Protein backbone atom coordinates (compact mmCIF):
# COMPACT_ATOMS: atom_id res chain seq x y z
CA UNK A 1 -41.07 -8.74 -18.70
CA UNK A 2 -43.00 -9.46 -15.83
CA UNK A 3 -45.34 -7.46 -13.81
CA UNK A 4 -42.43 -6.58 -11.48
CA UNK A 5 -43.91 -8.39 -8.69
CA UNK A 6 -41.86 -9.58 -5.56
CA UNK A 7 -42.95 -13.32 -6.16
CA UNK A 8 -40.08 -16.04 -7.06
CA UNK A 9 -42.12 -18.42 -8.15
CA UNK A 10 -40.12 -21.06 -10.40
CA UNK A 11 -36.81 -19.52 -10.26
CA UNK A 12 -33.66 -21.66 -8.33
CA UNK A 13 -31.42 -19.80 -6.23
CA UNK A 14 -28.08 -21.15 -4.93
CA UNK A 15 -26.98 -19.41 -1.56
CA UNK A 16 -23.44 -20.15 -0.61
CA UNK A 17 -22.57 -20.36 3.13
CA UNK A 18 -25.98 -20.95 4.07
CA UNK A 19 -26.23 -24.07 6.69
CA UNK A 20 -26.57 -21.48 9.65
CA UNK A 21 -26.97 -17.72 10.23
CA UNK A 22 -27.42 -14.84 7.77
CA UNK A 23 -27.23 -17.52 4.84
CA UNK A 24 -29.80 -19.76 5.85
CA UNK A 25 -31.91 -17.02 6.84
CA UNK A 26 -31.74 -15.71 3.44
CA UNK A 27 -32.65 -19.32 2.38
CA UNK A 28 -35.53 -19.20 4.03
CA UNK A 29 -37.10 -16.00 2.31
CA UNK A 30 -36.31 -16.49 -0.59
CA UNK A 31 -37.73 -19.80 -0.27
CA UNK A 32 -40.89 -18.66 1.50
CA UNK A 33 -40.97 -16.41 -2.02
CA UNK A 34 -41.02 -19.36 -4.06
CA UNK A 35 -38.09 -19.99 -4.99
CA UNK A 36 -36.46 -23.35 -4.99
CA UNK A 37 -33.31 -23.20 -3.03
CA UNK A 38 -30.06 -24.88 -3.37
CA UNK A 39 -28.24 -24.46 -0.04
CA UNK A 40 -24.17 -24.93 -0.03
CA UNK A 41 -21.60 -25.50 2.91
CA UNK A 42 -18.22 -27.33 3.44
CA UNK A 43 -20.09 -29.52 6.13
CA UNK A 44 -22.35 -32.18 4.82
CA UNK A 45 -24.15 -33.22 8.15
CA UNK A 46 -24.41 -29.43 9.21
CA UNK A 47 -25.90 -28.54 5.45
CA UNK A 48 -28.42 -31.37 5.40
CA UNK A 49 -29.87 -30.61 8.90
CA UNK A 50 -30.54 -26.88 7.55
CA UNK A 51 -31.95 -28.48 4.39
CA UNK A 52 -34.11 -30.97 6.85
CA UNK A 53 -35.30 -27.56 8.67
CA UNK A 54 -36.53 -25.88 5.72
CA UNK A 55 -37.63 -29.22 4.15
CA UNK A 56 -40.23 -29.42 7.13
CA UNK A 57 -41.37 -25.84 6.72
CA UNK A 58 -42.67 -27.18 3.17
CA UNK A 59 -39.71 -25.04 0.78
CA UNK A 60 -38.71 -26.56 -2.36
CA UNK A 61 -34.77 -27.10 -1.15
CA UNK A 62 -32.10 -29.14 -1.84
CA UNK A 63 -28.05 -29.18 -0.83
CA UNK A 64 -24.88 -28.69 -2.37
CA UNK A 65 -22.13 -29.67 0.08
CA UNK A 66 -18.51 -28.11 -1.43
CA UNK A 67 -16.13 -25.63 -0.60
CA UNK A 68 -15.90 -21.98 -2.22
CA UNK A 69 -12.25 -22.16 -2.11
CA UNK A 70 -12.01 -24.72 -4.29
CA UNK A 71 -10.11 -24.45 -7.58
CA UNK A 72 -12.05 -22.88 -10.50
CA UNK A 73 -12.35 -25.97 -12.40
CA UNK A 74 -14.01 -27.95 -9.43
CA UNK A 75 -16.44 -24.96 -8.53
CA UNK A 76 -17.23 -24.96 -12.39
CA UNK A 77 -18.09 -28.86 -12.38
CA UNK A 78 -20.43 -28.08 -8.76
CA UNK A 79 -22.47 -25.48 -10.84
CA UNK A 80 -22.37 -27.54 -13.65
CA UNK A 81 -23.97 -30.30 -11.32
CA UNK A 82 -26.59 -28.25 -9.93
CA UNK A 83 -27.42 -26.44 -13.31
CA UNK A 84 -27.66 -30.34 -14.73
CA UNK A 85 -31.06 -30.19 -12.38
CA UNK A 86 -32.27 -26.74 -13.00
CA UNK A 87 -30.54 -24.07 -14.64
CA UNK A 88 -29.92 -20.57 -11.65
CA UNK A 89 -31.76 -17.72 -12.08
CA UNK A 90 -30.56 -16.16 -8.68
CA UNK A 91 -26.99 -16.22 -6.74
CA UNK A 92 -26.59 -15.39 -3.76
CA UNK A 93 -22.70 -15.17 -2.65
CA UNK A 94 -23.02 -14.95 1.61
CA UNK A 95 -20.36 -17.33 2.50
CA UNK A 96 -17.64 -15.40 4.72
CA UNK A 97 -15.22 -15.21 7.83
CA UNK A 98 -13.86 -12.75 10.00
CA UNK A 99 -10.84 -12.78 11.87
CA UNK A 100 -9.84 -10.05 14.18
CA UNK A 101 -6.72 -9.12 15.53
CA UNK A 102 -4.31 -6.27 15.75
CA UNK A 103 -3.24 -5.55 12.13
CA UNK A 104 0.74 -5.17 13.37
CA UNK A 105 0.91 -8.70 14.39
CA UNK A 106 -2.20 -10.31 12.01
CA UNK A 107 -0.80 -13.10 10.40
CA UNK A 108 -0.46 -13.09 6.86
CA UNK A 109 -1.56 -16.02 5.79
CA UNK A 110 -4.82 -15.20 8.09
CA UNK A 111 -5.15 -11.97 5.84
CA UNK A 112 -5.24 -14.26 2.85
CA UNK A 113 -7.69 -16.85 4.22
CA UNK A 114 -9.70 -13.75 4.76
CA UNK A 115 -9.89 -12.08 1.57
CA UNK A 116 -9.69 -15.78 -0.46
CA UNK A 117 -12.91 -16.62 1.68
CA UNK A 118 -14.58 -12.92 1.48
CA UNK A 119 -13.72 -11.74 -1.91
CA UNK A 120 -11.97 -14.33 -4.62
CA UNK A 121 -14.64 -16.66 -3.56
CA UNK A 122 -16.89 -14.73 -4.94
CA UNK A 123 -15.37 -13.60 -7.90
CA UNK A 124 -15.07 -17.80 -8.35
CA UNK A 125 -18.28 -18.62 -7.85
CA UNK A 126 -20.18 -15.76 -9.40
CA UNK A 127 -18.04 -16.21 -12.56
CA UNK A 128 -19.13 -19.83 -13.19
CA UNK A 129 -22.63 -19.06 -12.24
CA UNK A 130 -22.63 -16.00 -14.69
CA UNK A 131 -21.28 -18.08 -17.46
CA UNK A 132 -24.93 -20.02 -17.59
CA UNK A 133 -26.55 -16.59 -17.18
CA UNK A 134 -24.63 -14.75 -19.91
CA UNK A 135 -26.01 -17.93 -22.29
CA UNK A 136 -29.49 -17.28 -21.10
CA UNK A 137 -29.40 -13.87 -21.18
CA UNK A 138 -30.52 -13.14 -17.62
CA UNK A 139 -30.01 -13.68 -13.86
CA UNK A 140 -29.54 -12.44 -10.63
CA UNK A 141 -26.80 -11.91 -8.30
CA UNK A 142 -26.82 -10.38 -4.81
CA UNK A 143 -22.97 -10.41 -3.11
CA UNK A 144 -23.58 -9.96 0.86
CA UNK A 145 -21.30 -7.00 1.93
CA UNK A 146 -21.47 -5.41 5.19
CA UNK A 147 -21.47 -1.79 6.91
CA UNK A 148 -18.13 -2.77 6.89
CA UNK A 149 -17.56 -2.30 3.24
CA UNK A 150 -17.81 1.61 4.18
CA UNK A 151 -16.59 1.61 7.75
CA UNK A 152 -14.17 -0.26 10.08
CA UNK A 153 -13.18 -0.89 13.81
CA UNK A 154 -10.26 -1.21 15.84
CA UNK A 155 -9.05 -4.79 14.89
CA UNK A 156 -11.01 -5.89 11.79
CA UNK A 157 -9.01 -4.15 9.10
CA UNK A 158 -8.37 -7.31 6.76
CA UNK A 159 -12.20 -7.99 7.26
CA UNK A 160 -13.16 -4.38 6.06
CA UNK A 161 -10.84 -4.93 3.34
CA UNK A 162 -12.70 -7.83 2.09
CA UNK A 163 -15.93 -6.48 2.14
CA UNK A 164 -14.59 -3.25 0.79
CA UNK A 165 -13.55 -5.02 -1.98
CA UNK A 166 -16.53 -6.98 -2.66
CA UNK A 167 -18.47 -3.73 -2.94
CA UNK A 168 -16.56 -2.66 -5.65
CA UNK A 169 -16.55 -5.93 -6.98
CA UNK A 170 -20.31 -6.14 -7.17
CA UNK A 171 -20.32 -2.29 -8.89
CA UNK A 172 -18.13 -4.31 -11.86
CA UNK A 173 -19.89 -7.22 -12.07
CA UNK A 174 -23.18 -5.02 -12.78
CA UNK A 175 -21.03 -3.12 -15.02
CA UNK A 176 -19.47 -5.78 -17.33
CA UNK A 177 -22.79 -8.39 -16.62
CA UNK A 178 -25.23 -5.81 -17.30
CA UNK A 179 -25.08 -6.18 -21.01
CA UNK A 180 -25.99 -9.74 -20.69
CA UNK A 181 -29.15 -9.22 -18.66
CA UNK A 182 -27.76 -10.06 -15.41
CA UNK A 183 -28.47 -7.85 -12.40
CA UNK A 184 -25.93 -7.46 -9.93
CA UNK A 185 -26.13 -6.00 -6.53
CA UNK A 186 -24.93 -5.68 -2.55
CA UNK A 187 -27.09 -6.94 0.50
CA UNK A 188 -25.26 -5.12 3.26
CA UNK A 189 -25.86 -6.22 6.80
CA UNK A 190 -25.11 -3.81 9.65
CA UNK A 191 -24.70 -5.71 13.17
CA UNK A 192 -27.21 -8.92 13.45
CA UNK A 193 -27.40 -11.50 16.11
CA UNK A 194 -25.71 -14.46 14.74
CA UNK A 195 -23.17 -17.17 15.43
CA UNK A 196 -20.47 -14.88 13.89
CA UNK A 197 -21.42 -12.39 16.19
CA UNK A 198 -21.81 -14.48 19.41
CA UNK A 199 -18.84 -12.77 21.35
CA UNK A 200 -19.86 -9.18 20.55
CA UNK A 201 -23.58 -9.77 21.17
CA UNK A 202 -22.76 -11.17 24.78
CA UNK A 203 -20.07 -8.21 25.45
CA UNK A 204 -22.36 -5.83 27.51
CA UNK A 205 -20.17 -3.32 26.93
CA UNK A 206 -20.16 -3.49 22.96
CA UNK A 207 -24.17 -4.06 22.98
CA UNK A 208 -24.25 -1.02 24.48
CA UNK A 209 -21.67 1.12 22.57
CA UNK A 210 -23.97 -0.43 19.38
CA UNK A 211 -27.66 0.29 20.49
CA UNK A 212 -26.61 3.83 21.16
CA UNK A 213 -24.66 4.40 18.16
CA UNK A 214 -27.56 2.79 16.06
CA UNK A 215 -30.16 4.95 15.16
CA UNK A 216 -33.03 2.51 15.88
CA UNK A 217 -31.17 1.65 19.36
CA UNK A 218 -31.01 -1.90 18.85
CA UNK A 219 -29.06 -5.11 16.74
CA UNK A 220 -30.96 -6.46 13.64
CA UNK A 221 -32.66 -9.70 13.25
CA UNK A 222 -31.68 -12.23 10.60
CA UNK A 223 -35.28 -12.31 9.33
CA UNK A 224 -34.87 -8.57 8.72
CA UNK A 225 -32.88 -9.16 5.93
CA UNK A 226 -34.95 -11.51 4.21
CA UNK A 227 -37.15 -8.58 2.44
CA UNK A 228 -34.44 -6.51 1.22
CA UNK A 229 -32.90 -10.04 -0.40
CA UNK A 230 -36.32 -10.76 -2.27
CA UNK A 231 -36.63 -7.64 -3.17
CA UNK A 232 -32.92 -7.49 -4.82
CA UNK A 233 -33.68 -10.68 -6.38
CA UNK A 234 -37.36 -10.07 -7.91
CA UNK A 235 -38.67 -7.79 -11.10
CA UNK A 236 -39.88 -5.55 -8.45
CA UNK A 237 -36.22 -4.34 -9.16
CA UNK A 238 -35.61 -5.03 -12.68
CA UNK A 239 -34.32 -1.21 -13.23
CA UNK A 240 -31.60 -1.90 -10.40
CA UNK A 241 -28.36 -2.83 -10.43
CA UNK A 242 -24.57 -2.13 -9.09
CA UNK A 243 -26.43 -1.17 -6.32
CA UNK A 244 -25.23 -1.72 -2.66
CA UNK A 245 -28.51 -2.31 -0.23
CA UNK A 246 -26.88 -1.20 3.77
CA UNK A 247 -29.66 -2.75 6.24
CA UNK A 248 -28.14 -1.83 9.03
CA UNK A 249 -30.64 0.75 11.78
CA UNK A 250 -28.90 3.63 10.18
CA UNK A 251 -25.34 3.24 11.35
CA UNK A 252 -24.10 4.11 7.91
CA UNK A 253 -26.40 7.61 8.02
CA UNK A 254 -24.99 9.16 11.00
CA UNK A 255 -21.52 9.79 12.56
């Protein structure tokens, strides 16, 4: 056992959906804490631009362009290729989408897309990575949940269902894989200024409502997720598993 510090030096981390937004911010934080970071995304050009950005910051970074919705055999091959370079110590399941609309007219195929991307992919990627972790008897998985793992708003029921499911998948992973030395936790952001929330951030009425609804009276900034993520991935959290850490300015604390 280490000294339970916050450093990640010598560890290799895969962050899915990390070519922009929260995923890129989490990758940057892990890299600054000393980890070798593997970025992931579907668009090779965008992914390479993200890799170049972090490399310019003198972080140790590589890129693995694949789709988290690939078939299990294809995902297993991608994970094996990554681990040929360095066994994975950390996985952050961040890839996700949002699709808004009235539930009574929400297209069934779009519902399936949300569940597949936000929930099923976390299971498939997590399973593929966990096999190596189980063999090595160590590892950390962080699933990026949401305040919508607990709460919902009009027009986002499918997203809330996916993130609520991810919360319970996190607890299930922690239960099943804990005996193998693997810790699994959830990082649950509140409302952060990202590309995903660009339309909401630009809506003065919504921003006003949100800021009044949030005890800290503001949106979150992506960099504020880095510290909590590093904590969950580090030995400082060596006895923390099955936990959902809400980083939300207090939204889930009050009515």
